[in-house]
Amino acid sequence: MARFCGIILFFLSAVSLTAEDVIPLETLPPAAFRWTWTAKGMKELVRNTNLDGLPVRIAGKEYKRAITGHAPMSHIYHLDGKAIRFRAEIGMDDASSRVQPDQTAKSSVFAEIIVDRWCVFRRKLRPDEKAVPVEIDLRGKQQLELRGNYGDVFTNQNIVCCNPELTVVSEPEFLRTAERWRAITRAADSHAPVYPDAPDWKTIRISKITFGSFRNAYRIATSGQELIIVPEFGGRILHYSVPGGKNLLYHKNDPQRLATRMIRGRAGDFAGGHFQRFDPVLYFYPSDPVLKHGCYQIEFPAEGEIVMRSAPCPVFFLQYEYRLTIMENQVRIQNILVNTAAFPQKLANWPITRVDMRRVRKLEMSDGSEIENDKEFQQKIRTGYEIRKQAERVSYTLTAEDGSVFRMTFDPPGKNGLHVFFNTGFAELESHAPLKTLPPGGKNIYSEWWRLE
């Protein structure tokens, strides 16, 4: 009898060690997601139907369970090492095969699965093709992202993830984890630090001001330059000029109003000035609102020194920081990335400054090339124009309409040399820091120097 009981206990223990729970993923709200485009307007979460509210069909086969979206689609789930695997059948809804007016190409969309910020699955999908079965091992992983990335014929890039299942060790424990991360994401989105009065510096003038819709901006002025920083809007520099001069930086008139158009989990880049993105670009832009447009904490450690720091971003496991050192006629900007993930990430800074081309007569680059901002060039950039060049040094020199000269230099030179994007009204002066593998808590720092003459 004792031997029999022992066998039963051993059997029950083995079952408990291998027990698995399966969660239909369409029933689990993601921690962060992007509203999906439809021909009738944006929709929040679309489940178990296509974007028209009709049954989901892929190559004629009907599916009752599905997560539906349109590129760019992004659904993020935090796992905390408590998941085992993800399974689904992924394809394009048959509605994607409808021909649009003036359509000359066949529709397509890229299905991507990102695990711990690394793309583990990518497939180009087309209408009328059978769904692709997918199984992803998630043991020990922290985050899962389901994505639909841009393909061909934008209005038909409908992607469906059918019969999506997440196998976990314990459903009750996993659901508690999911709710905790949704709360973390909400807190990051609504981060609202208290902004101090301007410090009492001796030789540099600084004051707290209202700038457009923002009540917590700071104007810093020396005898050679003037800048305005807005920590409550992504830690951006939105004004740079000679004292009393016209702003050389491009920005929208009312960026706060535009920021309210944020799409949950991701947001467009609705303003200008100085900010940073990050490499490698596994992600479509626009990007996360916590880093791009969120409220940053601000500190003044010493005269002429300013630190602006974002909330930790639970989407990308990153924190941004800008350290400014103000001198008489120049500014050093340290663009900093902090890896807040529990795993290493290979990352690099991608600082960008948008300048107002209405104020610029000429742009010179460190490879010796020049651009005259004449009518012919203005016509050329109406639909976007990009320059990428290898260069040992990365620097830009702008001659303004008032004769002032704005020089921007990066240190170290970066991996991709010169990078400028032009569009109607503005130019993006950019550089890319060398990629570096950052351990948990590790930082990447990329410096640039601004000088006015």
Protein backbone atom coordinates (compact mmCIF):
# COMPACT_ATOMS: atom_id res chain seq x y z
CA MET A 1 0.00 0.00 0.00
CA ALA A 2 2.79 2.40 0.96
CA ARG A 3 4.56 1.61 -2.31
CA PHE A 4 1.32 2.27 -4.26
CA CYS A 5 0.80 5.64 -2.49
CA GLY A 6 4.39 6.58 -3.26
CA ILE A 7 3.84 5.89 -6.97
CA ILE A 8 0.69 8.05 -6.95
CA LEU A 9 2.50 10.93 -5.22
CA PHE A 10 5.39 10.69 -7.69
CA PHE A 11 2.92 10.77 -10.59
CA LEU A 12 1.09 13.82 -9.19
CA SER A 13 4.41 15.65 -8.61
CA ALA A 14 5.50 14.98 -12.20
CA VAL A 15 2.18 16.30 -13.50
CA SER A 16 2.49 19.47 -11.42
CA LEU A 17 6.04 20.06 -12.66
CA THR A 18 4.93 19.89 -16.29
CA ALA A 19 1.54 21.61 -15.91
CA GLU A 20 0.84 24.30 -18.46
CA ASP A 21 -2.00 26.78 -18.91
CA VAL A 22 -3.06 28.11 -22.30
CA ILE A 23 -4.39 31.67 -22.59
CA PRO A 24 -6.24 32.69 -25.78
CA LEU A 25 -4.22 35.82 -26.52
CA GLU A 26 -7.14 37.74 -28.00
CA THR A 27 -8.69 37.73 -24.50
CA LEU A 28 -5.63 39.36 -22.90
CA PRO A 29 -5.34 43.17 -23.14
CA PRO A 30 -1.81 44.15 -24.20
CA ALA A 31 0.30 46.40 -21.98
CA ALA A 32 0.80 48.80 -24.88
CA PHE A 33 -0.66 48.91 -28.36
CA ARG A 34 -1.07 51.13 -31.35
CA TRP A 35 -4.57 52.00 -32.54
CA THR A 36 -5.11 50.49 -35.95
CA TRP A 37 -5.87 52.34 -39.18
CA THR A 38 -9.08 51.55 -41.05
CA ALA A 39 -10.77 53.21 -44.01
CA LYS A 40 -13.45 54.44 -41.58
CA GLY A 41 -11.03 55.89 -39.03
CA MET A 42 -8.78 54.65 -36.22
CA LYS A 43 -9.89 51.71 -34.08
CA GLU A 44 -8.57 50.69 -30.69
CA LEU A 45 -8.45 46.86 -30.51
CA VAL A 46 -10.01 44.66 -33.18
CA ARG A 47 -10.61 41.04 -32.20
CA ASN A 48 -12.38 38.09 -33.82
CA THR A 49 -13.49 40.07 -36.90
CA ASN A 50 -11.76 41.76 -39.80
CA LEU A 51 -11.45 45.55 -39.95
CA ASP A 52 -14.89 45.79 -41.55
CA GLY A 53 -16.50 43.86 -38.68
CA LEU A 54 -16.99 40.76 -40.85
CA PRO A 55 -15.70 37.22 -40.28
CA VAL A 56 -11.94 36.75 -40.70
CA ARG A 57 -11.00 34.72 -43.77
CA ILE A 58 -7.54 33.82 -45.02
CA ALA A 59 -7.40 32.14 -48.44
CA GLY A 60 -11.08 31.33 -48.05
CA LYS A 61 -10.72 29.68 -44.63
CA GLU A 62 -12.77 31.26 -41.86
CA TYR A 63 -11.31 31.84 -38.37
CA LYS A 64 -13.40 32.52 -35.28
CA ARG A 65 -10.54 33.77 -33.07
CA ALA A 66 -8.16 36.50 -34.19
CA ILE A 67 -6.24 39.66 -33.38
CA THR A 68 -6.69 42.01 -36.35
CA GLY A 69 -4.77 45.10 -37.35
CA HIS A 70 -3.38 47.22 -40.15
CA ALA A 71 0.23 48.22 -40.65
CA PRO A 72 1.76 49.73 -38.62
CA MET A 73 0.37 47.40 -35.94
CA SER A 74 1.97 46.76 -32.57
CA HIS A 75 0.72 44.78 -29.57
CA ILE A 76 3.11 44.37 -26.62
CA TYR A 77 2.84 41.80 -23.83
CA HIS A 78 5.18 41.57 -20.83
CA LEU A 79 6.11 38.05 -19.83
CA ASP A 80 8.50 38.30 -16.85
CA GLY A 81 9.87 34.86 -17.65
CA LYS A 82 6.47 33.26 -16.93
CA ALA A 83 5.57 32.21 -20.49
CA ILE A 84 6.53 29.03 -22.31
CA ARG A 85 5.53 29.48 -25.96
CA PHE A 86 3.43 31.46 -28.42
CA ARG A 87 1.48 29.84 -31.25
CA ALA A 88 -0.68 31.31 -34.00
CA GLU A 89 -1.57 31.23 -37.70
CA ILE A 90 -0.72 34.56 -39.35
CA GLY A 91 -1.90 35.89 -42.69
CA MET A 92 -3.64 38.66 -44.59
CA ASP A 93 -7.41 38.92 -44.41
CA ASP A 94 -9.08 38.23 -47.75
CA ALA A 95 -10.41 41.80 -47.74
CA SER A 96 -6.82 42.85 -48.53
CA SER A 97 -7.22 41.49 -52.05
CA ARG A 98 -9.72 44.21 -52.99
CA VAL A 99 -8.26 46.42 -55.70
CA GLN A 100 -8.09 50.10 -54.83
CA PRO A 101 -8.46 52.92 -57.39
CA ASP A 102 -5.19 53.47 -59.28
CA GLN A 103 -3.67 50.41 -57.57
CA THR A 104 -0.69 49.17 -59.60
CA ALA A 105 0.95 46.78 -57.12
CA LYS A 106 -0.27 43.74 -55.22
CA SER A 107 -0.86 44.31 -51.51
CA SER A 108 1.52 42.92 -48.90
CA VAL A 109 2.42 43.31 -45.24
CA PHE A 110 5.32 42.12 -43.10
CA ALA A 111 4.45 39.97 -40.09
CA GLU A 112 7.07 40.42 -37.37
CA ILE A 113 7.45 38.94 -33.91
CA ILE A 114 9.81 40.73 -31.52
CA VAL A 115 11.03 38.92 -28.40
CA ASP A 116 13.10 40.88 -25.88
CA ARG A 117 13.49 43.66 -28.50
CA TRP A 118 14.91 41.23 -31.08
CA CYS A 119 13.13 40.16 -34.26
CA VAL A 120 12.76 36.37 -34.15
CA PHE A 121 10.23 36.03 -37.00
CA ARG A 122 9.67 38.06 -40.17
CA ARG A 123 7.61 37.04 -43.19
CA LYS A 124 6.19 38.96 -46.12
CA LEU A 125 2.50 38.09 -46.47
CA ARG A 126 0.24 38.50 -49.48
CA PRO A 127 -3.52 38.17 -49.98
CA ASP A 128 -4.97 34.78 -50.91
CA GLU A 129 -1.99 32.92 -49.41
CA LYS A 130 -2.68 30.38 -46.68
CA ALA A 131 -2.00 31.38 -43.09
CA VAL A 132 1.54 30.72 -41.84
CA PRO A 133 1.77 28.60 -38.66
CA VAL A 134 4.11 30.13 -36.09
CA GLU A 135 5.51 28.74 -32.84
CA ILE A 136 7.92 30.80 -30.72
CA ASP A 137 9.79 29.55 -27.64
CA LEU A 138 9.35 32.11 -24.84
CA ARG A 139 10.98 30.36 -21.90
CA GLY A 140 12.87 32.90 -19.77
CA LYS A 141 11.82 35.83 -21.99
CA GLN A 142 10.56 39.21 -20.78
CA GLN A 143 8.52 40.70 -23.62
CA LEU A 144 6.56 39.70 -26.73
CA GLU A 145 5.54 42.11 -29.49
CA LEU A 146 3.26 41.23 -32.41
CA ARG A 147 3.74 43.59 -35.32
CA GLY A 148 2.42 44.29 -38.76
CA ASN A 149 5.00 46.34 -40.64
CA TYR A 150 4.64 48.32 -43.85
CA GLY A 151 4.43 46.42 -47.12
CA ASP A 152 2.80 47.44 -50.42
CA VAL A 153 -0.44 49.40 -51.05
CA PHE A 154 -1.01 51.05 -47.66
CA THR A 155 -4.82 50.90 -47.58
CA ASN A 156 -4.81 47.10 -47.93
CA GLN A 157 -2.16 46.03 -45.39
CA ASN A 158 -4.57 44.06 -43.19
CA ILE A 159 -2.87 41.50 -40.94
CA VAL A 160 -4.57 38.89 -38.75
CA CYS A 161 -3.11 36.69 -36.07
CA CYS A 162 -5.51 33.72 -35.88
CA ASN A 163 -5.97 31.26 -33.02
CA PRO A 164 -3.29 33.06 -30.98
CA GLU A 165 -2.30 31.13 -27.87
CA LEU A 166 0.12 31.94 -25.08
CA THR A 167 1.23 28.93 -23.04
CA VAL A 168 2.23 29.92 -19.51
CA VAL A 169 3.34 28.16 -16.33
CA SER A 170 0.38 29.45 -14.30
CA GLU A 171 -2.52 31.45 -15.69
CA PRO A 172 -3.43 33.24 -12.40
CA GLU A 173 0.19 34.26 -11.81
CA PHE A 174 0.64 35.40 -15.42
CA LEU A 175 -2.56 37.48 -15.35
CA ARG A 176 -1.29 39.27 -12.24
CA THR A 177 1.99 39.98 -14.06
CA ALA A 178 0.12 41.32 -17.10
CA GLU A 179 -1.97 43.67 -14.98
CA ARG A 180 1.11 44.91 -13.12
CA TRP A 181 2.81 45.83 -16.42
CA ARG A 182 -0.31 47.57 -17.71
CA ALA A 183 -0.20 49.69 -14.53
CA ILE A 184 3.51 50.41 -15.07
CA THR A 185 2.80 51.52 -18.63
CA ARG A 186 -0.05 53.81 -17.54
CA ALA A 187 2.20 55.36 -14.89
CA ALA A 188 4.97 56.01 -17.43
CA ASP A 189 2.50 57.61 -19.84
CA SER A 190 1.21 59.95 -17.11
CA HIS A 191 4.57 60.74 -15.44
CA ALA A 192 4.32 64.33 -14.15
CA PRO A 193 7.31 65.61 -12.15
CA VAL A 194 7.29 68.90 -10.25
CA TYR A 195 9.24 71.62 -12.06
CA PRO A 196 11.42 73.86 -9.86
CA ASP A 197 11.96 77.60 -10.18
CA ALA A 198 14.98 78.65 -12.18
CA PRO A 199 18.23 78.51 -10.19
CA ASP A 200 20.10 81.66 -9.12
CA TRP A 201 23.10 81.51 -11.42
CA LYS A 202 25.72 84.24 -11.25
CA THR A 203 26.96 84.69 -14.83
CA ILE A 204 24.33 82.93 -16.97
CA ARG A 205 20.78 84.27 -17.14
CA ILE A 206 18.06 81.66 -16.67
CA SER A 207 14.32 82.11 -16.10
CA LYS A 208 11.26 79.91 -15.96
CA ILE A 209 8.78 80.94 -18.67
CA THR A 210 5.60 79.99 -20.49
CA PHE A 211 6.40 78.84 -24.01
CA GLY A 212 3.38 78.35 -26.25
CA SER A 213 1.09 75.99 -24.33
CA PHE A 214 3.85 74.93 -21.94
CA ARG A 215 4.04 76.48 -18.49
CA ASN A 216 7.32 74.84 -17.49
CA ALA A 217 9.91 76.01 -20.00
CA TYR A 218 13.27 77.62 -19.24
CA ARG A 219 15.06 80.39 -21.16
CA ILE A 220 18.87 80.39 -20.86
CA ALA A 221 20.87 83.34 -22.23
CA THR A 222 24.50 84.41 -22.41
CA SER A 223 26.07 87.25 -24.32
CA GLY A 224 26.43 84.98 -27.36
CA GLN A 225 23.37 82.72 -27.44
CA GLU A 226 19.83 82.10 -26.26
CA LEU A 227 18.03 78.76 -25.94
CA ILE A 228 14.69 77.53 -24.61
CA ILE A 229 14.28 74.04 -23.21
CA VAL A 230 10.95 72.33 -22.51
CA PRO A 231 11.38 69.40 -20.10
CA GLU A 232 7.64 68.67 -20.02
CA PHE A 233 7.75 67.96 -23.76
CA GLY A 234 10.35 65.26 -24.22
CA GLY A 235 13.24 67.27 -22.80
CA ARG A 236 13.51 69.14 -26.07
CA ILE A 237 15.48 72.22 -27.02
CA LEU A 238 12.92 74.18 -29.03
CA HIS A 239 14.72 77.51 -29.49
CA TYR A 240 18.31 78.42 -30.34
CA SER A 241 19.44 81.82 -31.59
CA VAL A 242 21.71 84.76 -31.03
CA PRO A 243 20.32 86.93 -28.18
CA GLY A 244 17.02 88.39 -29.33
CA GLY A 245 17.38 86.76 -32.76
CA LYS A 246 15.07 84.58 -34.80
CA ASN A 247 14.83 80.92 -33.82
CA LEU A 248 17.01 78.64 -35.97
CA LEU A 249 15.15 75.52 -34.84
CA TYR A 250 11.97 74.23 -36.40
CA HIS A 251 8.97 73.46 -34.22
CA LYS A 252 5.20 73.47 -34.49
CA ASN A 253 3.35 76.52 -33.16
CA ASP A 254 1.41 74.53 -30.58
CA PRO A 255 3.13 71.17 -30.02
CA GLN A 256 1.17 70.45 -26.84
CA ARG A 257 -2.12 70.47 -28.74
CA LEU A 258 -0.62 68.19 -31.37
CA ALA A 259 0.71 65.87 -28.66
CA THR A 260 -2.83 65.12 -27.56
CA ARG A 261 -3.16 63.20 -30.82
CA MET A 262 -0.93 60.50 -29.36
CA ILE A 263 -1.84 56.97 -30.31
CA ARG A 264 -1.82 54.78 -27.22
CA GLY A 265 1.50 53.00 -26.79
CA ARG A 266 3.13 54.91 -29.63
CA ALA A 267 3.05 58.53 -30.73
CA GLY A 268 3.98 60.50 -33.78
CA ASP A 269 6.77 63.03 -33.73
CA PHE A 270 4.60 66.14 -33.77
CA ALA A 271 7.22 68.74 -32.90
CA GLY A 272 10.78 69.61 -33.75
CA GLY A 273 13.83 71.04 -32.06
CA HIS A 274 16.44 68.70 -30.65
CA PHE A 275 15.66 65.11 -29.59
CA GLN A 276 17.02 61.60 -30.10
CA ARG A 277 15.94 58.25 -31.47
CA PHE A 278 17.86 55.01 -31.15
CA ASP A 279 19.49 52.42 -33.38
CA PRO A 280 19.08 49.71 -34.57
CA VAL A 281 15.80 50.52 -36.27
CA LEU A 282 13.78 47.36 -35.72
CA TYR A 283 10.83 49.62 -35.14
CA PHE A 284 8.74 51.75 -37.41
CA TYR A 285 8.67 55.39 -36.47
CA PRO A 286 6.76 57.27 -35.00
CA SER A 287 7.88 55.88 -31.70
CA ASP A 288 7.03 55.74 -28.01
CA PRO A 289 5.48 58.86 -26.36
CA VAL A 290 7.31 58.41 -23.04
CA LEU A 291 10.68 59.08 -24.69
CA LYS A 292 9.57 61.41 -27.47
CA HIS A 293 6.98 63.66 -25.81
CA GLY A 294 6.68 62.65 -22.17
CA CYS A 295 7.40 64.84 -19.15
CA TYR A 296 11.08 64.80 -18.19
CA GLN A 297 12.47 65.52 -14.75
CA ILE A 298 14.89 68.48 -14.67
CA GLU A 299 17.85 69.21 -12.39
CA PHE A 300 20.43 72.01 -12.17
CA PRO A 301 23.51 70.40 -10.56
CA ALA A 302 25.75 73.48 -10.93
CA GLU A 303 25.90 76.79 -12.76
CA GLY A 304 25.58 76.18 -16.49
CA GLU A 305 24.65 72.51 -16.05
CA ILE A 306 21.22 71.04 -16.80
CA VAL A 307 20.03 67.43 -16.66
CA MET A 308 16.70 66.31 -18.19
CA ARG A 309 15.67 62.69 -17.64
CA SER A 310 12.67 60.72 -18.96
CA ALA A 311 10.63 58.16 -17.08
CA PRO A 312 11.75 54.58 -17.80
CA CYS A 313 10.00 53.45 -20.98
CA PRO A 314 8.34 50.02 -20.52
CA VAL A 315 7.88 49.57 -24.27
CA PHE A 316 11.55 49.72 -25.28
CA PHE A 317 13.14 49.17 -21.82
CA LEU A 318 14.98 52.47 -22.22
CA GLN A 319 15.46 55.76 -20.42
CA TYR A 320 16.63 58.94 -22.15
CA GLU A 321 18.75 61.63 -20.57
CA TYR A 322 20.09 64.93 -21.88
CA ARG A 323 22.97 66.71 -20.10
CA LEU A 324 23.58 70.30 -21.20
CA THR A 325 26.64 72.34 -20.37
CA ILE A 326 26.12 76.05 -21.19
CA MET A 327 29.14 78.18 -22.10
CA GLU A 328 29.44 81.73 -23.41
CA ASN A 329 28.71 81.00 -27.08
CA GLN A 330 28.43 77.23 -27.22
CA VAL A 331 26.52 74.30 -25.70
CA ARG A 332 27.65 70.74 -25.13
CA ILE A 333 24.78 68.23 -25.33
CA GLN A 334 25.32 64.72 -24.01
CA ASN A 335 22.66 62.40 -25.44
CA ILE A 336 22.36 59.40 -23.12
CA LEU A 337 20.60 56.03 -23.47
CA VAL A 338 20.12 53.83 -20.40
CA ASN A 339 19.20 50.15 -20.80
CA THR A 340 16.49 49.46 -18.21
CA ALA A 341 15.88 45.87 -19.40
CA ALA A 342 16.79 42.77 -17.43
CA PHE A 343 18.78 41.61 -20.48
CA PRO A 344 21.58 43.15 -22.61
CA GLN A 345 20.59 45.34 -25.56
CA LYS A 346 22.73 46.42 -28.51
CA LEU A 347 21.94 50.11 -28.92
CA ALA A 348 23.20 53.43 -30.21
CA ASN A 349 22.10 57.06 -29.93
CA TRP A 350 20.59 58.78 -32.96
CA PRO A 351 20.43 62.52 -32.15
CA ILE A 352 18.39 64.75 -34.45
CA THR A 353 18.03 68.53 -34.65
CA ARG A 354 15.34 70.05 -36.83
CA VAL A 355 16.32 73.44 -38.20
CA ASP A 356 13.98 75.95 -39.82
CA MET A 357 15.00 76.18 -43.49
CA ARG A 358 13.27 79.56 -43.77
CA ARG A 359 16.11 80.93 -41.64
CA VAL A 360 18.95 79.22 -43.53
CA ARG A 361 20.86 80.54 -46.56
CA LYS A 362 23.47 77.82 -46.85
CA LEU A 363 24.36 74.44 -45.33
CA GLU A 364 27.96 73.17 -45.37
CA MET A 365 28.96 69.63 -44.39
CA SER A 366 32.26 68.29 -43.11
CA ASP A 367 32.99 66.45 -46.38
CA GLY A 368 33.28 69.83 -48.11
CA SER A 369 29.89 69.77 -49.85
CA GLU A 370 27.54 72.76 -49.76
CA ILE A 371 23.83 73.34 -50.31
CA GLU A 372 22.44 76.72 -51.30
CA ASN A 373 18.88 77.07 -50.04
CA ASP A 374 17.55 78.63 -53.24
CA LYS A 375 14.21 78.21 -55.04
CA GLU A 376 15.49 75.26 -57.04
CA PHE A 377 16.48 73.41 -53.87
CA GLN A 378 13.19 74.27 -52.16
CA GLN A 379 11.36 72.66 -55.08
CA LYS A 380 13.58 69.58 -54.80
CA ILE A 381 12.77 68.91 -51.14
CA ARG A 382 8.98 69.30 -51.32
CA THR A 383 8.43 65.55 -51.19
CA GLY A 384 11.41 64.71 -49.01
CA TYR A 385 15.11 64.44 -49.81
CA GLU A 386 17.82 62.58 -47.90
CA ILE A 387 21.62 62.70 -47.88
CA ARG A 388 23.81 59.96 -46.36
CA LYS A 389 27.58 60.18 -46.76
CA GLN A 390 30.58 58.55 -45.16
CA ALA A 391 32.83 61.07 -43.45
CA GLU A 392 35.71 60.92 -40.99
CA ARG A 393 34.22 63.87 -39.12
CA VAL A 394 30.54 64.73 -38.66
CA SER A 395 29.81 68.43 -38.53
CA TYR A 396 27.37 70.87 -40.07
CA THR A 397 27.66 74.63 -40.58
CA LEU A 398 24.54 76.71 -41.24
CA THR A 399 24.71 80.31 -42.39
CA ALA A 400 21.51 82.05 -41.31
CA GLU A 401 19.65 84.79 -43.16
CA ASP A 402 20.85 87.33 -40.55
CA GLY A 403 24.51 86.37 -41.17
CA SER A 404 24.98 84.37 -37.96
CA VAL A 405 26.72 81.00 -38.24
CA PHE A 406 25.55 77.88 -36.40
CA ARG A 407 28.12 75.07 -36.13
CA MET A 408 27.23 71.57 -34.94
CA THR A 409 29.92 68.92 -34.30
CA PHE A 410 29.59 65.33 -33.05
CA ASP A 411 32.08 63.37 -30.97
CA PRO A 412 32.89 60.55 -31.68
CA PRO A 413 32.23 60.87 -35.42
CA GLY A 414 29.62 58.06 -35.53
CA LYS A 415 29.08 55.00 -37.67
CA ASN A 416 27.21 56.34 -40.69
CA GLY A 417 28.81 59.70 -41.27
CA LEU A 418 26.66 62.57 -42.46
CA HIS A 419 22.89 62.14 -42.43
CA VAL A 420 20.49 64.95 -43.41
CA PHE A 421 16.79 64.70 -44.20
CA PHE A 422 15.00 67.62 -45.85
CA ASN A 423 11.31 68.29 -46.16
CA THR A 424 9.18 71.35 -46.73
CA GLY A 425 10.12 73.87 -44.05
CA PHE A 426 12.81 71.97 -42.18
CA ALA A 427 16.00 69.94 -42.30
CA GLU A 428 17.01 67.20 -39.85
CA LEU A 429 20.72 67.31 -39.00
CA GLU A 430 21.53 63.84 -37.71
CA SER A 431 24.30 61.50 -36.65
CA HIS A 432 24.49 57.88 -35.45
CA ALA A 433 26.65 56.80 -32.53
CA PRO A 434 28.52 53.48 -32.73
CA LEU A 435 26.45 50.49 -31.63
CA LYS A 436 27.33 49.15 -28.21
CA THR A 437 26.04 46.17 -26.23
CA LEU A 438 24.68 47.60 -22.99
CA PRO A 439 24.26 45.37 -19.95
CA PRO A 440 21.24 45.95 -17.69
CA GLY A 441 21.68 49.49 -16.36
CA GLY A 442 24.39 50.27 -18.95
CA LYS A 443 24.63 53.65 -20.72
CA ASN A 444 25.61 54.90 -24.15
CA ILE A 445 26.69 58.57 -24.31
CA TYR A 446 27.02 60.54 -27.54
CA SER A 447 28.05 64.19 -27.40
CA GLU A 448 27.47 67.09 -29.73
CA TRP A 449 28.67 70.68 -29.60
CA TRP A 450 26.64 73.70 -30.75
CA ARG A 451 28.34 77.02 -31.41
CA LEU A 452 27.03 80.38 -32.63
CA GLU A 453 29.22 82.97 -34.29
